[in-house]
Amino acid sequence: MPDPSIKKSLLSSIFLQPILLSLVAGFLFRNSLDGRSTWIGQSDWLSSRALSFALSLMGAQFVLSDLLAISWHTIVSLLFCIFLTCVVGTVVNRFLKLDNSFMLWLLAGNCICGPAAISFASQIFNGEKKDIAKAIWINTLIGFILMILLPFFADLLNLSSEAFGVWAGSSLQSTAQVVASASIFSTESTDIALMIKSIRIIMLLPVMFLLKILSSPNSIEYSDSKKARKYQFSLNSFLRTFPRFLIVFLMLSFISLMIDLSGILYGPEFSLYTVFSQLRPLLGQVSKFSLSLAMFAIGYLCNFDLSRSDCRAIIFAIFTALQLVFTSYFIIRI
């Protein structure tokens, strides 16, 4: 078991993430001013521009070796768990009747990588800026509780370190939660959990496409022929609904994967691979800074008046998070 001081630092890192700190700072800054609506327009502009820039640079963080390190059986099982959670979640929302965008943000956060995925989804599924902060807080709180409970239940179920690493990496929301929970259970679980978590992050864009299909009735064209209704998927209208920053994101993702492939084929001494390996962390830091800047602006725009719909959102987030926990448990039992 890890040293208690290591546990404490991992747990504290959950609530000391720059995204969450920036949200709090923006919220407190607005409430400390006399004229609270003075910078609303500027904050809205800053949140949109900084968020698009930050998410575009996220494409450069995809690492081919993470994908190659996991068996195809595990990847397929993980895809099934995420697909099932998204489908069941959209069905459940027919009864809870959450705002469609808010529901999709929560699904993205639970299924992929917490606050970062919520920020990404907010640029694809338009909604109230103030609700982004609510979605992030709900996601973080539920993830924090699961992060503590999972090692306890894993011990009751007599799971091995390898099995728990797969379980934590498949079900917990943010990377910090995955690392903390895996380290609480055993040091051997951490590397496995991080590899599984990396696969989920790589699935970010495919999951966005899936959610878009599940939630977009406008992507279906209707035509009557011989008194029969036919359904035809309109790819052009579907693709036009995606924001422009995705073009940069996809380009950087493709470049990143191709350079990783060149490193595998020609060795780590390949000049282009060496340069990009040094550039990738810098792009990651710029992306994190821009994302934190966007979260500060979003925090300035939001308020936390708890409504009945927020209670339904919490119920929805708990349900989908637990569904992912239970379905991903079967990955380690198959």
C-alpha atoms as a PDB file:
ATOM      1  CA  MET A   1       0.000   0.000   0.000  1.00  0.00           C
ATOM      2  CA  PRO A   2       1.220   3.534  -0.762  1.00  0.00           C
ATOM      3  CA  ASP A   3       2.498   5.918   1.847  1.00  0.00           C
ATOM      4  CA  PRO A   4      -0.319   7.937   3.587  1.00  0.00           C
ATOM      5  CA  SER A   5       1.315  11.202   2.542  1.00  0.00           C
ATOM      6  CA  ILE A   6       1.086  10.089  -1.090  1.00  0.00           C
ATOM      7  CA  LYS A   7      -2.599   9.306  -0.615  1.00  0.00           C
ATOM      8  CA  LYS A   8      -3.183  12.738   0.889  1.00  0.00           C
ATOM      9  CA  SER A   9      -1.458  14.491  -2.016  1.00  0.00           C
ATOM     10  CA  LEU A  10      -3.446  12.463  -4.557  1.00  0.00           C
ATOM     11  CA  LEU A  11      -6.748  13.197  -2.824  1.00  0.00           C
ATOM     12  CA  SER A  12      -5.989  16.893  -2.556  1.00  0.00           C
ATOM     13  CA  SER A  13      -5.138  16.998  -6.267  1.00  0.00           C
ATOM     14  CA  ILE A  14      -8.772  16.200  -7.074  1.00  0.00           C
ATOM     15  CA  PHE A  15      -9.978  19.551  -5.741  1.00  0.00           C
ATOM     16  CA  LEU A  16      -6.835  21.464  -6.689  1.00  0.00           C
ATOM     17  CA  GLN A  17      -7.247  20.888 -10.422  1.00  0.00           C
ATOM     18  CA  PRO A  18      -6.769  24.155 -12.370  1.00  0.00           C
ATOM     19  CA  ILE A  19     -10.186  23.752 -14.028  1.00  0.00           C
ATOM     20  CA  LEU A  20     -12.030  23.651 -10.697  1.00  0.00           C
ATOM     21  CA  LEU A  21      -9.917  26.376  -9.100  1.00  0.00           C
ATOM     22  CA  SER A  22     -10.536  28.656 -12.099  1.00  0.00           C
ATOM     23  CA  LEU A  23     -14.294  28.077 -11.878  1.00  0.00           C
ATOM     24  CA  VAL A  24     -14.284  28.994  -8.195  1.00  0.00           C
ATOM     25  CA  ALA A  25     -12.099  32.056  -8.815  1.00  0.00           C
ATOM     26  CA  GLY A  26     -14.382  33.336 -11.571  1.00  0.00           C
ATOM     27  CA  PHE A  27     -17.495  32.809  -9.443  1.00  0.00           C
ATOM     28  CA  LEU A  28     -15.970  34.530  -6.396  1.00  0.00           C
ATOM     29  CA  PHE A  29     -14.631  37.395  -8.509  1.00  0.00           C
ATOM     30  CA  ARG A  30     -18.071  38.160  -9.932  1.00  0.00           C
ATOM     31  CA  ASN A  31     -19.728  38.060  -6.528  1.00  0.00           C
ATOM     32  CA  SER A  32     -17.079  40.373  -5.073  1.00  0.00           C
ATOM     33  CA  LEU A  33     -17.907  43.134  -7.570  1.00  0.00           C
ATOM     34  CA  ASP A  34     -20.598  45.754  -7.132  1.00  0.00           C
ATOM     35  CA  GLY A  35     -21.668  45.791 -10.765  1.00  0.00           C
ATOM     36  CA  ARG A  36     -21.958  42.057 -11.397  1.00  0.00           C
ATOM     37  CA  SER A  37     -23.133  42.353 -14.989  1.00  0.00           C
ATOM     38  CA  THR A  38     -20.328  44.692 -16.095  1.00  0.00           C
ATOM     39  CA  TRP A  39     -18.159  42.062 -17.808  1.00  0.00           C
ATOM     40  CA  ILE A  40     -20.821  39.571 -18.946  1.00  0.00           C
ATOM     41  CA  GLY A  41     -20.254  40.198 -22.659  1.00  0.00           C
ATOM     42  CA  GLN A  42     -16.477  40.037 -22.395  1.00  0.00           C
ATOM     43  CA  SER A  43     -16.644  36.864 -20.274  1.00  0.00           C
ATOM     44  CA  ASP A  44     -18.897  35.178 -22.788  1.00  0.00           C
ATOM     45  CA  TRP A  45     -16.478  36.060 -25.623  1.00  0.00           C
ATOM     46  CA  LEU A  46     -13.441  34.910 -23.625  1.00  0.00           C
ATOM     47  CA  SER A  47     -15.027  31.610 -22.610  1.00  0.00           C
ATOM     48  CA  SER A  48     -15.900  30.718 -26.215  1.00  0.00           C
ATOM     49  CA  ARG A  49     -12.532  31.680 -27.754  1.00  0.00           C
ATOM     50  CA  ALA A  50     -10.285  30.268 -25.016  1.00  0.00           C
ATOM     51  CA  LEU A  51     -12.288  27.050 -24.831  1.00  0.00           C
ATOM     52  CA  SER A  52     -12.113  26.472 -28.598  1.00  0.00           C
ATOM     53  CA  PHE A  53      -8.353  27.100 -28.608  1.00  0.00           C
ATOM     54  CA  ALA A  54      -7.722  24.825 -25.616  1.00  0.00           C
ATOM     55  CA  LEU A  55      -9.764  21.958 -27.019  1.00  0.00           C
ATOM     56  CA  SER A  56      -8.127  22.250 -30.434  1.00  0.00           C
ATOM     57  CA  LEU A  57      -4.710  21.648 -28.856  1.00  0.00           C
ATOM     58  CA  MET A  58      -5.979  18.563 -27.045  1.00  0.00           C
ATOM     59  CA  GLY A  59      -5.645  16.666 -30.335  1.00  0.00           C
ATOM     60  CA  ALA A  60      -1.855  16.723 -29.966  1.00  0.00           C
ATOM     61  CA  GLN A  61      -2.056  14.724 -26.713  1.00  0.00           C
ATOM     62  CA  PHE A  62      -3.151  11.443 -28.281  1.00  0.00           C
ATOM     63  CA  VAL A  63      -0.399   8.837 -27.926  1.00  0.00           C
ATOM     64  CA  LEU A  64      -0.357   5.773 -30.179  1.00  0.00           C
ATOM     65  CA  SER A  65       1.514   3.640 -27.649  1.00  0.00           C
ATOM     66  CA  ASP A  66      -1.408   3.954 -25.202  1.00  0.00           C
ATOM     67  CA  LEU A  67      -3.708   2.373 -27.761  1.00  0.00           C
ATOM     68  CA  LEU A  68      -1.276  -0.433 -28.640  1.00  0.00           C
ATOM     69  CA  ALA A  69      -0.634  -1.360 -24.999  1.00  0.00           C
ATOM     70  CA  ILE A  70      -4.194  -2.637 -24.380  1.00  0.00           C
ATOM     71  CA  SER A  71      -5.671  -5.862 -25.744  1.00  0.00           C
ATOM     72  CA  TRP A  72      -8.413  -5.618 -28.348  1.00  0.00           C
ATOM     73  CA  HIS A  73     -10.689  -7.649 -26.073  1.00  0.00           C
ATOM     74  CA  THR A  74     -10.467  -4.971 -23.381  1.00  0.00           C
ATOM     75  CA  ILE A  75     -10.942  -2.145 -25.891  1.00  0.00           C
ATOM     76  CA  VAL A  76     -14.057  -3.762 -27.393  1.00  0.00           C
ATOM     77  CA  SER A  77     -15.488  -4.421 -23.928  1.00  0.00           C
ATOM     78  CA  LEU A  78     -14.817  -0.818 -22.915  1.00  0.00           C
ATOM     79  CA  LEU A  79     -16.494   0.455 -26.091  1.00  0.00           C
ATOM     80  CA  PHE A  80     -19.544  -1.665 -25.280  1.00  0.00           C
ATOM     81  CA  CYS A  81     -19.753  -0.259 -21.730  1.00  0.00           C
ATOM     82  CA  ILE A  82     -19.567   3.333 -22.966  1.00  0.00           C
ATOM     83  CA  PHE A  83     -22.048   2.708 -25.785  1.00  0.00           C
ATOM     84  CA  LEU A  84     -24.526   1.056 -23.404  1.00  0.00           C
ATOM     85  CA  THR A  85     -24.203   3.896 -20.881  1.00  0.00           C
ATOM     86  CA  CYS A  86     -24.871   6.518 -23.577  1.00  0.00           C
ATOM     87  CA  VAL A  87     -27.887   4.685 -25.018  1.00  0.00           C
ATOM     88  CA  VAL A  88     -29.489   3.894 -21.654  1.00  0.00           C
ATOM     89  CA  GLY A  89     -28.762   7.435 -20.449  1.00  0.00           C
ATOM     90  CA  THR A  90     -30.617   9.017 -23.369  1.00  0.00           C
ATOM     91  CA  VAL A  91     -33.568   6.678 -22.754  1.00  0.00           C
ATOM     92  CA  VAL A  92     -33.671   7.484 -19.024  1.00  0.00           C
ATOM     93  CA  ASN A  93     -33.658  11.199 -19.829  1.00  0.00           C
ATOM     94  CA  ARG A  94     -37.011  10.815 -21.559  1.00  0.00           C
ATOM     95  CA  PHE A  95     -38.449  10.393 -18.073  1.00  0.00           C
ATOM     96  CA  LEU A  96     -36.234  12.884 -16.235  1.00  0.00           C
ATOM     97  CA  LYS A  97     -36.651  15.495 -19.009  1.00  0.00           C
ATOM     98  CA  LEU A  98     -33.343  17.287 -18.497  1.00  0.00           C
ATOM     99  CA  ASP A  99     -32.216  19.901 -20.975  1.00  0.00           C
ATOM    100  CA  ASN A 100     -30.740  17.889 -23.842  1.00  0.00           C
ATOM    101  CA  SER A 101     -27.354  19.658 -23.856  1.00  0.00           C
ATOM    102  CA  PHE A 102     -26.988  19.426 -20.084  1.00  0.00           C
ATOM    103  CA  MET A 103     -27.735  15.701 -20.227  1.00  0.00           C
ATOM    104  CA  LEU A 104     -25.136  15.154 -22.951  1.00  0.00           C
ATOM    105  CA  TRP A 105     -22.490  17.110 -21.016  1.00  0.00           C
ATOM    106  CA  LEU A 106     -23.030  14.847 -18.001  1.00  0.00           C
ATOM    107  CA  LEU A 107     -22.824  11.735 -20.173  1.00  0.00           C
ATOM    108  CA  ALA A 108     -19.576  12.918 -21.756  1.00  0.00           C
ATOM    109  CA  GLY A 109     -18.080  13.669 -18.349  1.00  0.00           C
ATOM    110  CA  ASN A 110     -19.011  10.273 -16.913  1.00  0.00           C
ATOM    111  CA  CYS A 111     -18.013   8.229 -19.960  1.00  0.00           C
ATOM    112  CA  ILE A 112     -14.732   9.916 -20.933  1.00  0.00           C
ATOM    113  CA  CYS A 113     -12.646  12.206 -18.727  1.00  0.00           C
ATOM    114  CA  GLY A 114     -14.713  14.361 -16.389  1.00  0.00           C
ATOM    115  CA  PRO A 115     -14.433  18.176 -16.592  1.00  0.00           C
ATOM    116  CA  ALA A 116     -12.305  18.180 -19.760  1.00  0.00           C
ATOM    117  CA  ALA A 117     -14.893  16.081 -21.621  1.00  0.00           C
ATOM    118  CA  ILE A 118     -17.701  18.325 -20.345  1.00  0.00           C
ATOM    119  CA  SER A 119     -15.823  21.364 -21.666  1.00  0.00           C
ATOM    120  CA  PHE A 120     -15.344  19.606 -25.007  1.00  0.00           C
ATOM    121  CA  ALA A 121     -19.014  18.589 -25.217  1.00  0.00           C
ATOM    122  CA  SER A 122     -20.178  22.122 -24.366  1.00  0.00           C
ATOM    123  CA  GLN A 123     -18.609  23.341 -27.611  1.00  0.00           C
ATOM    124  CA  ILE A 124     -20.552  20.769 -29.642  1.00  0.00           C
ATOM    125  CA  PHE A 125     -23.884  20.723 -27.791  1.00  0.00           C
ATOM    126  CA  ASN A 126     -24.821  24.340 -27.156  1.00  0.00           C
ATOM    127  CA  GLY A 127     -26.420  25.285 -23.865  1.00  0.00           C
ATOM    128  CA  GLU A 128     -26.348  27.803 -21.030  1.00  0.00           C
ATOM    129  CA  LYS A 129     -22.790  28.733 -20.046  1.00  0.00           C
ATOM    130  CA  LYS A 130     -23.701  28.765 -16.365  1.00  0.00           C
ATOM    131  CA  ASP A 131     -24.780  25.132 -16.609  1.00  0.00           C
ATOM    132  CA  ILE A 132     -21.260  24.058 -17.622  1.00  0.00           C
ATOM    133  CA  ALA A 133     -20.061  24.851 -14.105  1.00  0.00           C
ATOM    134  CA  LYS A 134     -22.962  22.891 -12.597  1.00  0.00           C
ATOM    135  CA  ALA A 135     -22.185  19.882 -14.768  1.00  0.00           C
ATOM    136  CA  ILE A 136     -18.517  19.983 -13.737  1.00  0.00           C
ATOM    137  CA  TRP A 137     -19.330  20.250 -10.029  1.00  0.00           C
ATOM    138  CA  ILE A 138     -21.847  17.390 -10.190  1.00  0.00           C
ATOM    139  CA  ASN A 139     -19.400  15.234 -12.135  1.00  0.00           C
ATOM    140  CA  THR A 140     -16.496  15.970  -9.778  1.00  0.00           C
ATOM    141  CA  LEU A 141     -18.480  15.307  -6.593  1.00  0.00           C
ATOM    142  CA  ILE A 142     -19.843  11.969  -7.805  1.00  0.00           C
ATOM    143  CA  GLY A 143     -16.431  10.958  -9.121  1.00  0.00           C
ATOM    144  CA  PHE A 144     -14.809  11.839  -5.788  1.00  0.00           C
ATOM    145  CA  ILE A 145     -17.265   9.630  -3.872  1.00  0.00           C
ATOM    146  CA  LEU A 146     -16.755   6.714  -6.266  1.00  0.00           C
ATOM    147  CA  MET A 147     -12.982   7.196  -6.095  1.00  0.00           C
ATOM    148  CA  ILE A 148     -13.103   6.465  -2.344  1.00  0.00           C
ATOM    149  CA  LEU A 149     -15.696   3.673  -2.478  1.00  0.00           C
ATOM    150  CA  LEU A 150     -14.238   1.627  -5.341  1.00  0.00           C
ATOM    151  CA  PRO A 151     -11.105   0.385  -3.485  1.00  0.00           C
ATOM    152  CA  PHE A 152     -13.315  -0.615  -0.546  1.00  0.00           C
ATOM    153  CA  PHE A 153     -15.642  -2.719  -2.707  1.00  0.00           C
ATOM    154  CA  ALA A 154     -12.709  -4.136  -4.680  1.00  0.00           C
ATOM    155  CA  ASP A 155     -11.273  -5.444  -1.428  1.00  0.00           C
ATOM    156  CA  LEU A 156     -14.619  -7.059  -0.539  1.00  0.00           C
ATOM    157  CA  LEU A 157     -14.744  -8.650  -4.000  1.00  0.00           C
ATOM    158  CA  ASN A 158     -11.133  -9.897  -3.648  1.00  0.00           C
ATOM    159  CA  LEU A 159     -10.013  -8.245  -6.876  1.00  0.00           C
ATOM    160  CA  SER A 160      -6.384  -8.430  -7.932  1.00  0.00           C
ATOM    161  CA  SER A 161      -4.327  -5.291  -8.518  1.00  0.00           C
ATOM    162  CA  GLU A 162      -4.554  -5.798 -12.274  1.00  0.00           C
ATOM    163  CA  ALA A 163      -8.325  -6.288 -12.174  1.00  0.00           C
ATOM    164  CA  PHE A 164      -8.854  -3.188 -10.053  1.00  0.00           C
ATOM    165  CA  GLY A 165      -6.659  -1.137 -12.380  1.00  0.00           C
ATOM    166  CA  VAL A 166      -8.927  -2.089 -15.282  1.00  0.00           C
ATOM    167  CA  TRP A 167     -12.050  -1.363 -13.208  1.00  0.00           C
ATOM    168  CA  ALA A 168     -10.907   2.054 -11.969  1.00  0.00           C
ATOM    169  CA  GLY A 169      -9.617   3.122 -15.373  1.00  0.00           C
ATOM    170  CA  SER A 170     -12.888   2.069 -17.021  1.00  0.00           C
ATOM    171  CA  SER A 171     -15.334   3.708 -14.629  1.00  0.00           C
ATOM    172  CA  LEU A 172     -13.956   6.765 -12.821  1.00  0.00           C
ATOM    173  CA  GLN A 173     -14.292  10.207 -14.379  1.00  0.00           C
ATOM    174  CA  SER A 174     -11.153  12.356 -14.254  1.00  0.00           C
ATOM    175  CA  THR A 175      -7.566  11.159 -14.590  1.00  0.00           C
ATOM    176  CA  ALA A 176      -6.737  12.460 -11.103  1.00  0.00           C
ATOM    177  CA  GLN A 177      -9.560  10.355  -9.628  1.00  0.00           C
ATOM    178  CA  VAL A 178      -8.314   7.274 -11.495  1.00  0.00           C
ATOM    179  CA  VAL A 179      -4.751   7.742 -10.209  1.00  0.00           C
ATOM    180  CA  ALA A 180      -5.880   8.433  -6.639  1.00  0.00           C
ATOM    181  CA  SER A 181      -8.253   5.460  -6.443  1.00  0.00           C
ATOM    182  CA  ALA A 182      -5.769   3.039  -8.020  1.00  0.00           C
ATOM    183  CA  SER A 183      -2.999   4.209  -5.679  1.00  0.00           C
ATOM    184  CA  ILE A 184      -5.247   3.763  -2.648  1.00  0.00           C
ATOM    185  CA  PHE A 185      -5.780   0.120  -3.627  1.00  0.00           C
ATOM    186  CA  SER A 186      -2.210  -0.754  -4.654  1.00  0.00           C
ATOM    187  CA  THR A 187       0.779   0.718  -6.451  1.00  0.00           C
ATOM    188  CA  GLU A 188       0.548  -1.986  -9.128  1.00  0.00           C
ATOM    189  CA  SER A 189      -2.942  -0.829 -10.147  1.00  0.00           C
ATOM    190  CA  THR A 190      -1.880   2.683 -11.149  1.00  0.00           C
ATOM    191  CA  ASP A 191      -0.129   1.994 -14.455  1.00  0.00           C
ATOM    192  CA  ILE A 192      -2.912  -0.297 -15.671  1.00  0.00           C
ATOM    193  CA  ALA A 193      -5.600   2.199 -14.664  1.00  0.00           C
ATOM    194  CA  LEU A 194      -3.802   5.003 -16.509  1.00  0.00           C
ATOM    195  CA  MET A 195      -3.529   2.942 -19.697  1.00  0.00           C
ATOM    196  CA  ILE A 196      -7.253   2.120 -19.636  1.00  0.00           C
ATOM    197  CA  LYS A 197      -8.036   5.772 -18.915  1.00  0.00           C
ATOM    198  CA  SER A 198      -5.924   6.804 -21.917  1.00  0.00           C
ATOM    199  CA  ILE A 199      -8.059   4.585 -24.145  1.00  0.00           C
ATOM    200  CA  ARG A 200     -11.195   6.315 -22.863  1.00  0.00           C
ATOM    201  CA  ILE A 201      -9.668   9.714 -23.650  1.00  0.00           C
ATOM    202  CA  ILE A 202      -8.867   8.539 -27.181  1.00  0.00           C
ATOM    203  CA  MET A 203     -12.564   7.643 -27.500  1.00  0.00           C
ATOM    204  CA  LEU A 204     -13.538  11.277 -26.871  1.00  0.00           C
ATOM    205  CA  LEU A 205     -14.365  12.167 -30.462  1.00  0.00           C
ATOM    206  CA  PRO A 206     -16.151   8.887 -31.361  1.00  0.00           C
ATOM    207  CA  VAL A 207     -18.347   9.301 -28.283  1.00  0.00           C
ATOM    208  CA  MET A 208     -19.185  12.870 -29.364  1.00  0.00           C
ATOM    209  CA  PHE A 209     -20.310  11.505 -32.734  1.00  0.00           C
ATOM    210  CA  LEU A 210     -22.376   8.820 -30.999  1.00  0.00           C
ATOM    211  CA  LEU A 211     -24.068  11.346 -28.711  1.00  0.00           C
ATOM    212  CA  LYS A 212     -24.707  13.602 -31.685  1.00  0.00           C
ATOM    213  CA  ILE A 213     -26.469  10.784 -33.512  1.00  0.00           C
ATOM    214  CA  LEU A 214     -28.503   9.773 -30.448  1.00  0.00           C
ATOM    215  CA  SER A 215     -29.616  13.340 -29.743  1.00  0.00           C
ATOM    216  CA  SER A 216     -30.047  14.887 -33.192  1.00  0.00           C
ATOM    217  CA  PRO A 217     -33.445  14.272 -34.791  1.00  0.00           C
ATOM    218  CA  ASN A 218     -32.551  16.994 -37.295  1.00  0.00           C
ATOM    219  CA  SER A 219     -30.031  14.626 -38.832  1.00  0.00           C
ATOM    220  CA  ILE A 220     -32.930  12.502 -40.061  1.00  0.00           C
ATOM    221  CA  GLU A 221     -34.679  13.455 -43.275  1.00  0.00           C
ATOM    222  CA  TYR A 222     -38.263  12.344 -43.878  1.00  0.00           C
ATOM    223  CA  SER A 223     -39.860  11.539 -47.220  1.00  0.00           C
ATOM    224  CA  ASP A 224     -43.198  10.025 -48.206  1.00  0.00           C
ATOM    225  CA  SER A 225     -43.306   7.475 -50.954  1.00  0.00           C
ATOM    226  CA  LYS A 226     -46.416   5.436 -51.673  1.00  0.00           C
ATOM    227  CA  LYS A 227     -47.880   6.490 -48.338  1.00  0.00           C
ATOM    228  CA  ALA A 228     -44.887   5.053 -46.486  1.00  0.00           C
ATOM    229  CA  ARG A 229     -42.498   7.096 -44.362  1.00  0.00           C
ATOM    230  CA  LYS A 230     -38.804   6.484 -44.988  1.00  0.00           C
ATOM    231  CA  TYR A 231     -35.910   7.610 -42.887  1.00  0.00           C
ATOM    232  CA  GLN A 232     -32.647   8.704 -44.456  1.00  0.00           C
ATOM    233  CA  PHE A 233     -29.581   9.894 -42.567  1.00  0.00           C
ATOM    234  CA  SER A 234     -28.351  13.272 -43.822  1.00  0.00           C
ATOM    235  CA  LEU A 235     -24.568  13.253 -43.383  1.00  0.00           C
ATOM    236  CA  ASN A 236     -24.086  16.829 -44.628  1.00  0.00           C
ATOM    237  CA  SER A 237     -26.564  18.370 -42.195  1.00  0.00           C
ATOM    238  CA  PHE A 238     -25.106  16.224 -39.413  1.00  0.00           C
ATOM    239  CA  LEU A 239     -21.521  17.361 -40.023  1.00  0.00           C
ATOM    240  CA  ARG A 240     -22.500  21.034 -40.352  1.00  0.00           C
ATOM    241  CA  THR A 241     -23.594  21.013 -36.717  1.00  0.00           C
ATOM    242  CA  PHE A 242     -20.014  20.413 -35.505  1.00  0.00           C
ATOM    243  CA  PRO A 243     -17.887  23.450 -34.550  1.00  0.00           C
ATOM    244  CA  ARG A 244     -14.867  24.525 -36.580  1.00  0.00           C
ATOM    245  CA  PHE A 245     -12.353  23.856 -33.826  1.00  0.00           C
ATOM    246  CA  LEU A 246     -12.838  20.135 -34.537  1.00  0.00           C
ATOM    247  CA  ILE A 247     -10.932  20.588 -37.815  1.00  0.00           C
ATOM    248  CA  VAL A 248      -7.802  21.653 -35.922  1.00  0.00           C
ATOM    249  CA  PHE A 249      -8.410  18.968 -33.296  1.00  0.00           C
ATOM    250  CA  LEU A 250      -8.615  16.226 -35.949  1.00  0.00           C
ATOM    251  CA  MET A 251      -5.570  17.539 -37.820  1.00  0.00           C
ATOM    252  CA  LEU A 252      -3.441  17.575 -34.663  1.00  0.00           C
ATOM    253  CA  SER A 253      -4.723  14.131 -33.668  1.00  0.00           C
ATOM    254  CA  PHE A 254      -3.779  12.707 -37.060  1.00  0.00           C
ATOM    255  CA  ILE A 255      -0.352  14.386 -37.026  1.00  0.00           C
ATOM    256  CA  SER A 256       0.280  13.147 -33.483  1.00  0.00           C
ATOM    257  CA  LEU A 257      -0.580   9.552 -34.328  1.00  0.00           C
ATOM    258  CA  MET A 258       1.469   9.605 -37.561  1.00  0.00           C
ATOM    259  CA  ILE A 259       4.536  10.974 -35.774  1.00  0.00           C
ATOM    260  CA  ASP A 260       4.147   8.311 -33.069  1.00  0.00           C
ATOM    261  CA  LEU A 261       3.977   5.702 -35.822  1.00  0.00           C
ATOM    262  CA  SER A 262       7.167   7.082 -37.384  1.00  0.00           C
ATOM    263  CA  GLY A 263       8.862   6.760 -33.998  1.00  0.00           C
ATOM    264  CA  ILE A 264       7.849   3.098 -33.865  1.00  0.00           C
ATOM    265  CA  LEU A 265       9.024   2.428 -37.438  1.00  0.00           C
ATOM    266  CA  TYR A 266      12.266   4.442 -37.438  1.00  0.00           C
ATOM    267  CA  GLY A 267      13.125   4.500 -33.753  1.00  0.00           C
ATOM    268  CA  PRO A 268      13.073   7.254 -31.093  1.00  0.00           C
ATOM    269  CA  GLU A 269      16.101   8.957 -32.695  1.00  0.00           C
ATOM    270  CA  PHE A 270      13.943   9.979 -35.680  1.00  0.00           C
ATOM    271  CA  SER A 271      14.268  13.785 -35.726  1.00  0.00           C
ATOM    272  CA  LEU A 272      10.585  14.639 -36.257  1.00  0.00           C
ATOM    273  CA  TYR A 273       9.552  12.267 -33.488  1.00  0.00           C
ATOM    274  CA  THR A 274      12.117  13.799 -31.112  1.00  0.00           C
ATOM    275  CA  VAL A 275      10.956  17.367 -31.814  1.00  0.00           C
ATOM    276  CA  PHE A 276       7.269  16.534 -31.415  1.00  0.00           C
ATOM    277  CA  SER A 277       7.924  14.573 -28.215  1.00  0.00           C
ATOM    278  CA  GLN A 278       9.422  17.737 -26.747  1.00  0.00           C
ATOM    279  CA  LEU A 279       6.683  19.950 -28.174  1.00  0.00           C
ATOM    280  CA  ARG A 280       3.767  17.806 -26.968  1.00  0.00           C
ATOM    281  CA  PRO A 281       4.114  18.696 -23.247  1.00  0.00           C
ATOM    282  CA  LEU A 282       4.320  22.400 -24.136  1.00  0.00           C
ATOM    283  CA  LEU A 283       1.121  22.182 -26.194  1.00  0.00           C
ATOM    284  CA  GLY A 284      -0.484  20.363 -23.288  1.00  0.00           C
ATOM    285  CA  GLN A 285       0.426  23.150 -20.871  1.00  0.00           C
ATOM    286  CA  VAL A 286      -0.859  25.842 -23.256  1.00  0.00           C
ATOM    287  CA  SER A 287      -4.098  23.876 -23.626  1.00  0.00           C
ATOM    288  CA  LYS A 288      -4.496  23.589 -19.837  1.00  0.00           C
ATOM    289  CA  PHE A 289      -3.838  27.309 -19.369  1.00  0.00           C
ATOM    290  CA  SER A 290      -6.397  28.254 -22.037  1.00  0.00           C
ATOM    291  CA  LEU A 291      -8.920  25.830 -20.551  1.00  0.00           C
ATOM    292  CA  SER A 292      -8.418  27.334 -17.096  1.00  0.00           C
ATOM    293  CA  LEU A 293      -8.872  30.818 -18.564  1.00  0.00           C
ATOM    294  CA  ALA A 294     -12.124  29.698 -20.185  1.00  0.00           C
ATOM    295  CA  MET A 295     -13.305  28.157 -16.904  1.00  0.00           C
ATOM    296  CA  PHE A 296     -12.609  31.436 -15.083  1.00  0.00           C
ATOM    297  CA  ALA A 297     -14.865  33.231 -17.570  1.00  0.00           C
ATOM    298  CA  ILE A 298     -17.537  30.531 -17.257  1.00  0.00           C
ATOM    299  CA  GLY A 299     -17.337  30.773 -13.460  1.00  0.00           C
ATOM    300  CA  TYR A 300     -17.930  34.519 -13.802  1.00  0.00           C
ATOM    301  CA  LEU A 301     -21.069  33.814 -15.843  1.00  0.00           C
ATOM    302  CA  CYS A 302     -22.615  31.226 -13.540  1.00  0.00           C
ATOM    303  CA  ASN A 303     -24.718  31.137 -10.420  1.00  0.00           C
ATOM    304  CA  PHE A 304     -25.554  28.159  -8.239  1.00  0.00           C
ATOM    305  CA  ASP A 305     -29.252  28.519  -7.540  1.00  0.00           C
ATOM    306  CA  LEU A 306     -30.334  24.898  -6.977  1.00  0.00           C
ATOM    307  CA  SER A 307     -33.553  24.126  -8.867  1.00  0.00           C
ATOM    308  CA  ARG A 308     -35.697  21.059  -9.342  1.00  0.00           C
ATOM    309  CA  SER A 309     -34.022  20.381 -12.670  1.00  0.00           C
ATOM    310  CA  ASP A 310     -30.633  20.380 -10.906  1.00  0.00           C
ATOM    311  CA  CYS A 311     -31.875  17.645  -8.570  1.00  0.00           C
ATOM    312  CA  ARG A 312     -32.927  15.619 -11.605  1.00  0.00           C
ATOM    313  CA  ALA A 313     -29.481  16.247 -13.107  1.00  0.00           C
ATOM    314  CA  ILE A 314     -27.813  14.865  -9.973  1.00  0.00           C
ATOM    315  CA  ILE A 315     -30.024  11.769 -10.121  1.00  0.00           C
ATOM    316  CA  PHE A 316     -29.179  11.316 -13.806  1.00  0.00           C
ATOM    317  CA  ALA A 317     -25.434  11.729 -13.194  1.00  0.00           C
ATOM    318  CA  ILE A 318     -25.483   9.232 -10.305  1.00  0.00           C
ATOM    319  CA  PHE A 319     -27.460   6.708 -12.360  1.00  0.00           C
ATOM    320  CA  THR A 320     -25.171   6.862 -15.420  1.00  0.00           C
ATOM    321  CA  ALA A 321     -22.003   6.853 -13.291  1.00  0.00           C
ATOM    322  CA  LEU A 322     -23.167   3.747 -11.410  1.00  0.00           C
ATOM    323  CA  GLN A 323     -24.216   2.110 -14.659  1.00  0.00           C
ATOM    324  CA  LEU A 324     -20.687   2.568 -16.018  1.00  0.00           C
ATOM    325  CA  VAL A 325     -19.244   1.183 -12.762  1.00  0.00           C
ATOM    326  CA  PHE A 326     -21.405  -1.952 -12.906  1.00  0.00           C
ATOM    327  CA  THR A 327     -21.012  -2.623 -16.625  1.00  0.00           C
ATOM    328  CA  SER A 328     -17.246  -2.044 -16.556  1.00  0.00           C
ATOM    329  CA  TYR A 329     -17.024  -4.517 -13.671  1.00  0.00           C
ATOM    330  CA  PHE A 330     -17.982  -7.213 -16.151  1.00  0.00           C
ATOM    331  CA  ILE A 331     -14.873  -6.396 -18.216  1.00  0.00           C
ATOM    332  CA  ILE A 332     -12.748  -7.941 -15.497  1.00  0.00           C
ATOM    333  CA  ARG A 333     -15.089 -10.911 -15.091  1.00  0.00           C
ATOM    334  CA  ILE A 334     -15.358 -11.922 -18.763  1.00  0.00           C
END
